[in-house]
Amino acid sequence: MTEEAADHLADVPVEAVREALVEWYEADHRAFPWRETEDPYEILVSEVMSQQTQLGRVVEAWAAFLDRWPTAAALADADRADVVAFWTDHSLGYNNRAKYLHEAARQVCEEFDGAFPRDPDGLSELMGVGPYTANAVASFAFDNGDAVVDTNVKRVLHRAFDVPDDDAAFERVASELMPDGESRVWNNAIMELGGVACEKTPACDAAGCPWREWCHAYETGDFTAPDVPTQPDFEGSRRQMRGRVVNVLGEYDELPIDELGPRVRVDYAPDGEYGREWLWDLLADLEADGLVETDDDGTARLRR
């Protein structure tokens, strides 16, 4: 155990803490379908979807996505515009997530002979897969990850063991707590604890938190925690408008910009705040992402 981690776990019976959490999780936890699979593709899809969407809404979208593209190979063969349109239709956040997921599927098929890398470093080579997502897939698909540290886990560690709001400190303590070679059950369990018992408004007794006897916050009554970033409103946002452009162009072979505009925003006016300049800016973003192409005469179409 590192010296820094030892400072926060000095009076904590680590083995008892581990056993209590795993027993609590295995006795009862939320039944999400991606917890019932070890398929790295299915888990990657769930992780990408969950980054910006409440888990309850992800369930339906995840099932529909896998029904349409059941394997990495199927997704790799799909038209990227169709994948992006699905993302928008299901309000799954930034469309770049769909683009990156599609590209990651191509990488798996073309660069890794159809087999997902099994460790966080290898998974991080996939497009759009950052350290957190790589570690989650390695943990849940291959039981081969490190301790996951997301906002829920930070809240748990801050309250339970008085860990300061410092990423390095959270990483150290999380790593020391996780039993060797048990990343799948441990990471699921500690994230479940943060999701149902140690939310912003804690439900320690109601959820039967297994760490109450060791928890600093439970003892002191001080349930402050690191700030949790809020998700910007989707309605009227730039990402919503980007999605509308893709959807509209999906219905037509091509459209002049002044015919596209009113179909994206009802208040579109060529020389107004939401006019040609605004729409050309959106189209430039989508063109840079490889989703749209435009002509000099002001015609836009999806890139096929």
C-alpha atoms as a PDB file:
ATOM      1  CA  MET A   1       0.000   0.000   0.000  1.00  0.00           C
ATOM      2  CA  THR A   2       1.350   3.413  -0.902  1.00  0.00           C
ATOM      3  CA  GLU A   3       2.048   5.850   1.920  1.00  0.00           C
ATOM      4  CA  GLU A   4      -0.546   8.310   0.608  1.00  0.00           C
ATOM      5  CA  ALA A   5      -3.248   5.641   0.414  1.00  0.00           C
ATOM      6  CA  ALA A   6      -2.297   4.323   3.837  1.00  0.00           C
ATOM      7  CA  ASP A   7      -3.021   7.738   5.355  1.00  0.00           C
ATOM      8  CA  HIS A   8      -6.665   7.461   4.341  1.00  0.00           C
ATOM      9  CA  LEU A   9      -7.049   3.749   5.054  1.00  0.00           C
ATOM     10  CA  ALA A  10      -4.977   3.593   8.257  1.00  0.00           C
ATOM     11  CA  ASP A  11      -7.920   2.743  10.501  1.00  0.00           C
ATOM     12  CA  VAL A  12      -9.895   0.823   7.891  1.00  0.00           C
ATOM     13  CA  PRO A  13     -10.041  -3.003   7.951  1.00  0.00           C
ATOM     14  CA  VAL A  14      -9.563  -3.310   4.198  1.00  0.00           C
ATOM     15  CA  GLU A  15     -10.460  -6.999   3.916  1.00  0.00           C
ATOM     16  CA  ALA A  16     -13.686  -6.497   5.848  1.00  0.00           C
ATOM     17  CA  VAL A  17     -14.547  -3.457   3.714  1.00  0.00           C
ATOM     18  CA  ARG A  18     -14.004  -5.476   0.533  1.00  0.00           C
ATOM     19  CA  GLU A  19     -16.072  -8.419   1.692  1.00  0.00           C
ATOM     20  CA  ALA A  20     -18.925  -6.222   2.891  1.00  0.00           C
ATOM     21  CA  LEU A  21     -19.217  -4.376  -0.412  1.00  0.00           C
ATOM     22  CA  VAL A  22     -19.061  -7.467  -2.618  1.00  0.00           C
ATOM     23  CA  GLU A  23     -21.604  -9.314  -0.453  1.00  0.00           C
ATOM     24  CA  TRP A  24     -23.946  -6.314  -0.560  1.00  0.00           C
ATOM     25  CA  TYR A  25     -23.664  -6.066  -4.337  1.00  0.00           C
ATOM     26  CA  GLU A  26     -24.115  -9.761  -5.021  1.00  0.00           C
ATOM     27  CA  ALA A  27     -27.147  -9.946  -2.741  1.00  0.00           C
ATOM     28  CA  ASP A  28     -29.061  -7.296  -4.688  1.00  0.00           C
ATOM     29  CA  HIS A  29     -28.243  -4.810  -7.439  1.00  0.00           C
ATOM     30  CA  ARG A  30     -29.870  -3.052 -10.368  1.00  0.00           C
ATOM     31  CA  ALA A  31     -30.382  -5.450 -13.272  1.00  0.00           C
ATOM     32  CA  PHE A  32     -28.873  -3.806 -16.325  1.00  0.00           C
ATOM     33  CA  PRO A  33     -28.539  -6.119 -19.348  1.00  0.00           C
ATOM     34  CA  TRP A  34     -24.906  -5.208 -20.003  1.00  0.00           C
ATOM     35  CA  ARG A  35     -24.081  -6.632 -16.578  1.00  0.00           C
ATOM     36  CA  GLU A  36     -25.203 -10.014 -17.890  1.00  0.00           C
ATOM     37  CA  THR A  37     -22.706 -10.158 -20.753  1.00  0.00           C
ATOM     38  CA  GLU A  38     -18.953 -10.404 -21.118  1.00  0.00           C
ATOM     39  CA  ASP A  39     -18.992  -9.452 -24.807  1.00  0.00           C
ATOM     40  CA  PRO A  40     -16.581  -6.508 -25.147  1.00  0.00           C
ATOM     41  CA  TYR A  41     -18.526  -5.017 -28.066  1.00  0.00           C
ATOM     42  CA  GLU A  42     -21.799  -5.007 -26.152  1.00  0.00           C
ATOM     43  CA  ILE A  43     -20.065  -3.541 -23.106  1.00  0.00           C
ATOM     44  CA  LEU A  44     -18.327  -0.852 -25.158  1.00  0.00           C
ATOM     45  CA  VAL A  45     -21.675   0.211 -26.628  1.00  0.00           C
ATOM     46  CA  SER A  46     -23.174   0.469 -23.145  1.00  0.00           C
ATOM     47  CA  GLU A  47     -20.232   2.481 -21.829  1.00  0.00           C
ATOM     48  CA  VAL A  48     -20.318   4.972 -24.691  1.00  0.00           C
ATOM     49  CA  MET A  49     -24.076   5.406 -24.408  1.00  0.00           C
ATOM     50  CA  SER A  50     -23.917   5.814 -20.627  1.00  0.00           C
ATOM     51  CA  GLN A  51     -21.456   8.697 -20.768  1.00  0.00           C
ATOM     52  CA  GLN A  52     -24.178  11.288 -21.331  1.00  0.00           C
ATOM     53  CA  THR A  53     -27.460   9.514 -20.743  1.00  0.00           C
ATOM     54  CA  GLN A  54     -29.314   8.219 -17.695  1.00  0.00           C
ATOM     55  CA  LEU A  55     -28.959   4.467 -17.375  1.00  0.00           C
ATOM     56  CA  GLY A  56     -32.697   3.872 -17.436  1.00  0.00           C
ATOM     57  CA  ARG A  57     -32.934   5.424 -20.900  1.00  0.00           C
ATOM     58  CA  VAL A  58     -29.840   3.601 -22.121  1.00  0.00           C
ATOM     59  CA  VAL A  59     -31.460   0.167 -21.697  1.00  0.00           C
ATOM     60  CA  GLU A  60     -33.908   0.602 -24.576  1.00  0.00           C
ATOM     61  CA  ALA A  61     -31.390   2.343 -26.831  1.00  0.00           C
ATOM     62  CA  TRP A  62     -28.713  -0.296 -26.119  1.00  0.00           C
ATOM     63  CA  ALA A  63     -31.063  -3.152 -27.018  1.00  0.00           C
ATOM     64  CA  ALA A  64     -32.228  -1.421 -30.200  1.00  0.00           C
ATOM     65  CA  PHE A  65     -28.662  -0.621 -31.247  1.00  0.00           C
ATOM     66  CA  LEU A  66     -27.537  -4.235 -30.799  1.00  0.00           C
ATOM     67  CA  ASP A  67     -30.617  -5.504 -32.572  1.00  0.00           C
ATOM     68  CA  ARG A  68     -29.651  -3.405 -35.590  1.00  0.00           C
ATOM     69  CA  TRP A  69     -25.865  -3.894 -35.365  1.00  0.00           C
ATOM     70  CA  PRO A  70     -25.311  -7.033 -33.239  1.00  0.00           C
ATOM     71  CA  THR A  71     -21.544  -7.296 -33.728  1.00  0.00           C
ATOM     72  CA  ALA A  72     -18.552  -5.074 -34.267  1.00  0.00           C
ATOM     73  CA  ALA A  73     -18.389  -6.373 -37.827  1.00  0.00           C
ATOM     74  CA  ALA A  74     -22.003  -5.380 -38.470  1.00  0.00           C
ATOM     75  CA  LEU A  75     -21.380  -1.897 -37.110  1.00  0.00           C
ATOM     76  CA  ALA A  76     -18.177  -1.535 -39.123  1.00  0.00           C
ATOM     77  CA  ASP A  77     -20.131  -2.299 -42.312  1.00  0.00           C
ATOM     78  CA  ALA A  78     -22.872   0.212 -41.494  1.00  0.00           C
ATOM     79  CA  ASP A  79     -23.261   3.622 -43.096  1.00  0.00           C
ATOM     80  CA  ARG A  80     -21.915   6.144 -40.611  1.00  0.00           C
ATOM     81  CA  ALA A  81     -24.802   8.518 -41.286  1.00  0.00           C
ATOM     82  CA  ASP A  82     -27.235   5.787 -40.208  1.00  0.00           C
ATOM     83  CA  VAL A  83     -25.345   5.302 -36.947  1.00  0.00           C
ATOM     84  CA  VAL A  84     -25.360   9.037 -36.259  1.00  0.00           C
ATOM     85  CA  ALA A  85     -29.061   9.258 -37.080  1.00  0.00           C
ATOM     86  CA  PHE A  86     -29.774   6.472 -34.579  1.00  0.00           C
ATOM     87  CA  TRP A  87     -27.785   8.361 -31.943  1.00  0.00           C
ATOM     88  CA  THR A  88     -29.787  11.518 -32.522  1.00  0.00           C
ATOM     89  CA  ASP A  89     -33.143   9.739 -32.609  1.00  0.00           C
ATOM     90  CA  HIS A  90     -32.419   8.240 -29.181  1.00  0.00           C
ATOM     91  CA  SER A  91     -31.065  11.497 -27.678  1.00  0.00           C
ATOM     92  CA  LEU A  92     -27.758   9.881 -26.758  1.00  0.00           C
ATOM     93  CA  GLY A  93     -25.679  13.042 -26.573  1.00  0.00           C
ATOM     94  CA  TYR A  94     -22.927  14.314 -28.824  1.00  0.00           C
ATOM     95  CA  ASN A  95     -22.986  12.732 -32.271  1.00  0.00           C
ATOM     96  CA  ASN A  96     -19.204  12.402 -32.190  1.00  0.00           C
ATOM     97  CA  ARG A  97     -19.770   9.472 -29.828  1.00  0.00           C
ATOM     98  CA  ALA A  98     -21.532   7.621 -32.634  1.00  0.00           C
ATOM     99  CA  LYS A  99     -18.810   8.504 -35.120  1.00  0.00           C
ATOM    100  CA  TYR A 100     -16.060   7.271 -32.785  1.00  0.00           C
ATOM    101  CA  LEU A 101     -17.923   4.071 -31.927  1.00  0.00           C
ATOM    102  CA  HIS A 102     -18.340   3.326 -35.630  1.00  0.00           C
ATOM    103  CA  GLU A 103     -14.639   3.952 -36.251  1.00  0.00           C
ATOM    104  CA  ALA A 104     -13.648   1.813 -33.251  1.00  0.00           C
ATOM    105  CA  ALA A 105     -15.637  -1.093 -34.700  1.00  0.00           C
ATOM    106  CA  ARG A 106     -13.732  -0.690 -37.985  1.00  0.00           C
ATOM    107  CA  GLN A 107     -10.430  -0.717 -36.107  1.00  0.00           C
ATOM    108  CA  VAL A 108     -11.332  -3.932 -34.298  1.00  0.00           C
ATOM    109  CA  CYS A 109     -12.157  -5.605 -37.611  1.00  0.00           C
ATOM    110  CA  GLU A 110      -9.316  -4.192 -39.698  1.00  0.00           C
ATOM    111  CA  GLU A 111      -6.452  -3.719 -37.230  1.00  0.00           C
ATOM    112  CA  PHE A 112      -7.165  -6.388 -34.592  1.00  0.00           C
ATOM    113  CA  ASP A 113      -8.552  -9.197 -36.788  1.00  0.00           C
ATOM    114  CA  GLY A 114     -11.977  -8.892 -35.190  1.00  0.00           C
ATOM    115  CA  ALA A 115     -10.773  -9.489 -31.624  1.00  0.00           C
ATOM    116  CA  PHE A 116     -10.945  -6.724 -29.032  1.00  0.00           C
ATOM    117  CA  PRO A 117      -7.759  -5.910 -27.095  1.00  0.00           C
ATOM    118  CA  ARG A 118      -8.028  -7.344 -23.588  1.00  0.00           C
ATOM    119  CA  ASP A 119      -6.279  -4.717 -21.472  1.00  0.00           C
ATOM    120  CA  PRO A 120      -6.782  -0.979 -20.896  1.00  0.00           C
ATOM    121  CA  ASP A 121      -3.702   0.032 -22.881  1.00  0.00           C
ATOM    122  CA  GLY A 122      -4.799  -1.915 -25.937  1.00  0.00           C
ATOM    123  CA  LEU A 123      -8.380  -0.742 -25.719  1.00  0.00           C
ATOM    124  CA  SER A 124      -7.194   2.867 -25.484  1.00  0.00           C
ATOM    125  CA  GLU A 125      -5.932   2.548 -29.055  1.00  0.00           C
ATOM    126  CA  LEU A 126      -9.539   2.450 -30.279  1.00  0.00           C
ATOM    127  CA  MET A 127     -11.015   5.700 -31.581  1.00  0.00           C
ATOM    128  CA  GLY A 128     -12.812   7.691 -28.895  1.00  0.00           C
ATOM    129  CA  VAL A 129     -11.949   5.233 -26.120  1.00  0.00           C
ATOM    130  CA  GLY A 130     -10.376   7.172 -23.275  1.00  0.00           C
ATOM    131  CA  PRO A 131      -8.745   5.779 -20.131  1.00  0.00           C
ATOM    132  CA  TYR A 132     -12.009   5.421 -18.198  1.00  0.00           C
ATOM    133  CA  THR A 133     -13.886   3.592 -20.971  1.00  0.00           C
ATOM    134  CA  ALA A 134     -10.885   1.390 -21.781  1.00  0.00           C
ATOM    135  CA  ASN A 135     -10.598   0.372 -18.159  1.00  0.00           C
ATOM    136  CA  ALA A 136     -14.333  -0.285 -17.847  1.00  0.00           C
ATOM    137  CA  VAL A 137     -14.362  -2.577 -20.896  1.00  0.00           C
ATOM    138  CA  ALA A 138     -11.232  -4.383 -19.705  1.00  0.00           C
ATOM    139  CA  SER A 139     -12.861  -4.854 -16.292  1.00  0.00           C
ATOM    140  CA  PHE A 140     -16.338  -5.941 -17.303  1.00  0.00           C
ATOM    141  CA  ALA A 141     -15.479  -7.967 -20.413  1.00  0.00           C
ATOM    142  CA  PHE A 142     -12.157  -9.534 -19.416  1.00  0.00           C
ATOM    143  CA  ASP A 143     -11.888  -9.032 -15.614  1.00  0.00           C
ATOM    144  CA  ASN A 144      -8.579  -7.424 -16.478  1.00  0.00           C
ATOM    145  CA  GLY A 145      -8.889  -3.783 -15.465  1.00  0.00           C
ATOM    146  CA  ASP A 146      -7.765  -1.361 -12.828  1.00  0.00           C
ATOM    147  CA  ALA A 147      -9.979   0.313 -10.255  1.00  0.00           C
ATOM    148  CA  VAL A 148     -12.591   2.471 -11.973  1.00  0.00           C
ATOM    149  CA  VAL A 149     -12.787   6.035 -10.707  1.00  0.00           C
ATOM    150  CA  ASP A 150     -15.836   7.951 -11.930  1.00  0.00           C
ATOM    151  CA  THR A 151     -17.788  10.734 -10.232  1.00  0.00           C
ATOM    152  CA  ASN A 152     -19.819   8.223  -8.209  1.00  0.00           C
ATOM    153  CA  VAL A 153     -16.700   6.464  -6.962  1.00  0.00           C
ATOM    154  CA  LYS A 154     -15.074   9.771  -6.051  1.00  0.00           C
ATOM    155  CA  ARG A 155     -18.130  10.700  -4.001  1.00  0.00           C
ATOM    156  CA  VAL A 156     -18.027   7.360  -2.181  1.00  0.00           C
ATOM    157  CA  LEU A 157     -14.298   7.561  -1.376  1.00  0.00           C
ATOM    158  CA  HIS A 158     -14.510  11.204  -0.311  1.00  0.00           C
ATOM    159  CA  ARG A 159     -17.341  10.520   2.116  1.00  0.00           C
ATOM    160  CA  ALA A 160     -16.330   7.090   3.364  1.00  0.00           C
ATOM    161  CA  PHE A 161     -12.598   7.586   3.858  1.00  0.00           C
ATOM    162  CA  ASP A 162     -12.218  11.375   3.794  1.00  0.00           C
ATOM    163  CA  VAL A 163     -10.151  11.236   0.594  1.00  0.00           C
ATOM    164  CA  PRO A 164      -9.416  14.797  -0.595  1.00  0.00           C
ATOM    165  CA  ASP A 165     -10.820  16.084  -3.866  1.00  0.00           C
ATOM    166  CA  ASP A 166      -7.702  15.187  -5.814  1.00  0.00           C
ATOM    167  CA  ASP A 167      -7.657  12.818  -8.801  1.00  0.00           C
ATOM    168  CA  ALA A 168      -4.326  11.242  -7.857  1.00  0.00           C
ATOM    169  CA  ALA A 169      -5.538  10.571  -4.309  1.00  0.00           C
ATOM    170  CA  PHE A 170      -8.752   8.986  -5.586  1.00  0.00           C
ATOM    171  CA  GLU A 171      -6.763   6.763  -7.957  1.00  0.00           C
ATOM    172  CA  ARG A 172      -4.405   5.609  -5.192  1.00  0.00           C
ATOM    173  CA  VAL A 173      -7.105   4.763  -2.666  1.00  0.00           C
ATOM    174  CA  ALA A 174      -9.354   3.095  -5.255  1.00  0.00           C
ATOM    175  CA  SER A 175      -6.448   0.912  -6.403  1.00  0.00           C
ATOM    176  CA  GLU A 176      -5.557  -0.130  -2.859  1.00  0.00           C
ATOM    177  CA  LEU A 177      -9.133  -1.091  -2.069  1.00  0.00           C
ATOM    178  CA  MET A 178      -9.763  -3.234  -5.157  1.00  0.00           C
ATOM    179  CA  PRO A 179      -8.920  -6.922  -4.623  1.00  0.00           C
ATOM    180  CA  ASP A 180      -6.313  -8.223  -7.068  1.00  0.00           C
ATOM    181  CA  GLY A 181      -7.805  -9.828 -10.158  1.00  0.00           C
ATOM    182  CA  GLU A 182     -11.412  -8.968  -9.287  1.00  0.00           C
ATOM    183  CA  SER A 183     -12.001  -5.819 -11.286  1.00  0.00           C
ATOM    184  CA  ARG A 184     -15.308  -7.025 -12.763  1.00  0.00           C
ATOM    185  CA  VAL A 185     -17.224  -7.522  -9.522  1.00  0.00           C
ATOM    186  CA  TRP A 186     -15.423  -4.791  -7.585  1.00  0.00           C
ATOM    187  CA  ASN A 187     -15.920  -2.003 -10.095  1.00  0.00           C
ATOM    188  CA  ASN A 188     -19.546  -2.944 -10.587  1.00  0.00           C
ATOM    189  CA  ALA A 189     -20.063  -3.015  -6.822  1.00  0.00           C
ATOM    190  CA  ILE A 190     -18.457   0.310  -5.947  1.00  0.00           C
ATOM    191  CA  MET A 191     -20.227   2.107  -8.802  1.00  0.00           C
ATOM    192  CA  GLU A 192     -23.510   0.563  -7.653  1.00  0.00           C
ATOM    193  CA  LEU A 193     -22.818   1.869  -4.158  1.00  0.00           C
ATOM    194  CA  GLY A 194     -22.368   5.370  -5.539  1.00  0.00           C
ATOM    195  CA  GLY A 195     -25.428   5.036  -7.745  1.00  0.00           C
ATOM    196  CA  VAL A 196     -27.998   3.842  -5.192  1.00  0.00           C
ATOM    197  CA  ALA A 197     -26.703   4.518  -1.656  1.00  0.00           C
ATOM    198  CA  CYS A 198     -24.200   7.356  -1.899  1.00  0.00           C
ATOM    199  CA  GLU A 199     -25.880   9.697  -4.362  1.00  0.00           C
ATOM    200  CA  LYS A 200     -25.786  13.474  -3.972  1.00  0.00           C
ATOM    201  CA  THR A 201     -28.513  12.979  -1.367  1.00  0.00           C
ATOM    202  CA  PRO A 202     -27.321   9.851   0.451  1.00  0.00           C
ATOM    203  CA  ALA A 203     -29.612   6.931   1.283  1.00  0.00           C
ATOM    204  CA  CYS A 204     -27.294   5.189   3.724  1.00  0.00           C
ATOM    205  CA  ASP A 205     -29.879   3.350   5.817  1.00  0.00           C
ATOM    206  CA  ALA A 206     -32.572   2.962   3.165  1.00  0.00           C
ATOM    207  CA  ALA A 207     -30.102   1.320   0.764  1.00  0.00           C
ATOM    208  CA  GLY A 208     -28.386  -0.667   3.505  1.00  0.00           C
ATOM    209  CA  CYS A 209     -24.960   0.795   2.755  1.00  0.00           C
ATOM    210  CA  PRO A 210     -22.410  -1.872   3.732  1.00  0.00           C
ATOM    211  CA  TRP A 211     -19.787   0.710   4.722  1.00  0.00           C
ATOM    212  CA  ARG A 212     -21.747   2.591   7.384  1.00  0.00           C
ATOM    213  CA  GLU A 213     -19.668   1.320  10.288  1.00  0.00           C
ATOM    214  CA  TRP A 214     -16.466   2.677   8.734  1.00  0.00           C
ATOM    215  CA  CYS A 215     -17.825   5.725   6.906  1.00  0.00           C
ATOM    216  CA  HIS A 216     -16.461   9.122   7.939  1.00  0.00           C
ATOM    217  CA  ALA A 217     -19.511  10.960   6.585  1.00  0.00           C
ATOM    218  CA  TYR A 218     -21.964   8.615   8.323  1.00  0.00           C
ATOM    219  CA  GLU A 219     -20.140   9.131  11.612  1.00  0.00           C
ATOM    220  CA  THR A 220     -19.850  12.909  11.382  1.00  0.00           C
ATOM    221  CA  GLY A 221     -23.001  13.764   9.480  1.00  0.00           C
ATOM    222  CA  ASP A 222     -20.942  15.735   6.942  1.00  0.00           C
ATOM    223  CA  PHE A 223     -22.037  14.482   3.522  1.00  0.00           C
ATOM    224  CA  THR A 224     -20.324  17.106   1.408  1.00  0.00           C
ATOM    225  CA  ALA A 225     -18.654  15.748  -1.722  1.00  0.00           C
ATOM    226  CA  PRO A 226     -16.791  16.944  -4.806  1.00  0.00           C
ATOM    227  CA  ASP A 227     -18.909  18.936  -7.213  1.00  0.00           C
ATOM    228  CA  VAL A 228     -20.516  16.877  -9.943  1.00  0.00           C
ATOM    229  CA  PRO A 229     -20.591  18.543 -13.401  1.00  0.00           C
ATOM    230  CA  THR A 230     -24.083  19.155 -14.741  1.00  0.00           C
ATOM    231  CA  GLN A 231     -25.098  18.073 -18.228  1.00  0.00           C
ATOM    232  CA  PRO A 232     -25.950  21.057 -20.462  1.00  0.00           C
ATOM    233  CA  ASP A 233     -29.522  21.240 -21.707  1.00  0.00           C
ATOM    234  CA  PHE A 234     -30.038  19.250 -24.896  1.00  0.00           C
ATOM    235  CA  GLU A 235     -33.076  21.176 -26.143  1.00  0.00           C
ATOM    236  CA  GLY A 236     -31.915  23.920 -28.503  1.00  0.00           C
ATOM    237  CA  SER A 237     -28.269  22.955 -28.104  1.00  0.00           C
ATOM    238  CA  ARG A 238     -25.697  22.857 -30.872  1.00  0.00           C
ATOM    239  CA  ARG A 239     -25.530  19.079 -30.734  1.00  0.00           C
ATOM    240  CA  GLN A 240     -29.302  18.870 -31.179  1.00  0.00           C
ATOM    241  CA  MET A 241     -29.075  21.121 -34.242  1.00  0.00           C
ATOM    242  CA  ARG A 242     -26.236  19.028 -35.687  1.00  0.00           C
ATOM    243  CA  GLY A 243     -28.414  15.977 -35.266  1.00  0.00           C
ATOM    244  CA  ARG A 244     -31.314  17.658 -37.020  1.00  0.00           C
ATOM    245  CA  VAL A 245     -29.097  18.538 -39.986  1.00  0.00           C
ATOM    246  CA  VAL A 246     -28.097  14.892 -40.324  1.00  0.00           C
ATOM    247  CA  ASN A 247     -31.692  13.702 -40.009  1.00  0.00           C
ATOM    248  CA  VAL A 248     -33.026  16.186 -42.561  1.00  0.00           C
ATOM    249  CA  LEU A 249     -30.305  15.396 -45.084  1.00  0.00           C
ATOM    250  CA  GLY A 250     -31.023  11.720 -44.527  1.00  0.00           C
ATOM    251  CA  GLU A 251     -34.501  12.299 -45.969  1.00  0.00           C
ATOM    252  CA  TYR A 252     -33.284  14.047 -49.136  1.00  0.00           C
ATOM    253  CA  ASP A 253     -30.592  13.375 -51.683  1.00  0.00           C
ATOM    254  CA  GLU A 254     -29.430  16.965 -51.254  1.00  0.00           C
ATOM    255  CA  LEU A 255     -30.758  20.385 -50.273  1.00  0.00           C
ATOM    256  CA  PRO A 256     -29.800  24.005 -50.939  1.00  0.00           C
ATOM    257  CA  ILE A 257     -28.868  25.688 -47.692  1.00  0.00           C
ATOM    258  CA  ASP A 258     -31.915  27.958 -47.640  1.00  0.00           C
ATOM    259  CA  GLU A 259     -34.199  24.933 -47.968  1.00  0.00           C
ATOM    260  CA  LEU A 260     -32.274  23.004 -45.337  1.00  0.00           C
ATOM    261  CA  GLY A 261     -32.344  25.832 -42.790  1.00  0.00           C
ATOM    262  CA  PRO A 262     -36.116  26.013 -42.111  1.00  0.00           C
ATOM    263  CA  ARG A 263     -36.221  22.236 -41.732  1.00  0.00           C
ATOM    264  CA  VAL A 264     -33.574  22.463 -39.002  1.00  0.00           C
ATOM    265  CA  ARG A 265     -34.974  25.523 -37.171  1.00  0.00           C
ATOM    266  CA  VAL A 266     -38.437  26.993 -37.691  1.00  0.00           C
ATOM    267  CA  ASP A 267     -36.983  30.441 -36.944  1.00  0.00           C
ATOM    268  CA  TYR A 268     -34.305  30.157 -39.629  1.00  0.00           C
ATOM    269  CA  ALA A 269     -33.848  33.440 -41.534  1.00  0.00           C
ATOM    270  CA  PRO A 270     -31.048  33.703 -44.122  1.00  0.00           C
ATOM    271  CA  ASP A 271     -29.665  36.945 -42.678  1.00  0.00           C
ATOM    272  CA  GLY A 272     -30.816  36.434 -39.073  1.00  0.00           C
ATOM    273  CA  GLU A 273     -29.172  35.173 -35.908  1.00  0.00           C
ATOM    274  CA  TYR A 274     -30.001  31.633 -36.988  1.00  0.00           C
ATOM    275  CA  GLY A 275     -29.296  32.109 -40.670  1.00  0.00           C
ATOM    276  CA  ARG A 276     -26.796  31.161 -43.340  1.00  0.00           C
ATOM    277  CA  GLU A 277     -23.726  31.991 -41.288  1.00  0.00           C
ATOM    278  CA  TRP A 278     -24.994  29.913 -38.369  1.00  0.00           C
ATOM    279  CA  LEU A 279     -25.932  26.986 -40.613  1.00  0.00           C
ATOM    280  CA  TRP A 280     -22.672  27.078 -42.578  1.00  0.00           C
ATOM    281  CA  ASP A 281     -20.839  26.827 -39.239  1.00  0.00           C
ATOM    282  CA  LEU A 282     -22.801  23.687 -38.337  1.00  0.00           C
ATOM    283  CA  LEU A 283     -22.167  22.208 -41.773  1.00  0.00           C
ATOM    284  CA  ALA A 284     -18.435  22.926 -41.476  1.00  0.00           C
ATOM    285  CA  ASP A 285     -18.329  20.958 -38.224  1.00  0.00           C
ATOM    286  CA  LEU A 286     -20.211  18.044 -39.753  1.00  0.00           C
ATOM    287  CA  GLU A 287     -18.014  18.140 -42.850  1.00  0.00           C
ATOM    288  CA  ALA A 288     -14.895  18.019 -40.677  1.00  0.00           C
ATOM    289  CA  ASP A 289     -16.375  14.949 -38.962  1.00  0.00           C
ATOM    290  CA  GLY A 290     -16.848  13.254 -42.329  1.00  0.00           C
ATOM    291  CA  LEU A 291     -20.647  13.260 -42.119  1.00  0.00           C
ATOM    292  CA  VAL A 292     -21.655  15.952 -44.623  1.00  0.00           C
ATOM    293  CA  GLU A 293     -20.329  17.424 -47.849  1.00  0.00           C
ATOM    294  CA  THR A 294     -21.190  20.764 -49.424  1.00  0.00           C
ATOM    295  CA  ASP A 295     -20.864  22.338 -52.869  1.00  0.00           C
ATOM    296  CA  ASP A 296     -19.735  25.861 -53.686  1.00  0.00           C
ATOM    297  CA  ASP A 297     -23.267  26.668 -54.826  1.00  0.00           C
ATOM    298  CA  GLY A 298     -24.598  26.115 -51.288  1.00  0.00           C
ATOM    299  CA  THR A 299     -25.949  22.576 -51.598  1.00  0.00           C
ATOM    300  CA  ALA A 300     -25.477  20.090 -48.752  1.00  0.00           C
ATOM    301  CA  ARG A 301     -25.769  16.305 -48.672  1.00  0.00           C
ATOM    302  CA  LEU A 302     -24.746  13.420 -46.427  1.00  0.00           C
ATOM    303  CA  ARG A 303     -21.403  11.883 -47.269  1.00  0.00           C
ATOM    304  CA  ARG A 304     -21.893   8.280 -48.328  1.00  0.00           C
END
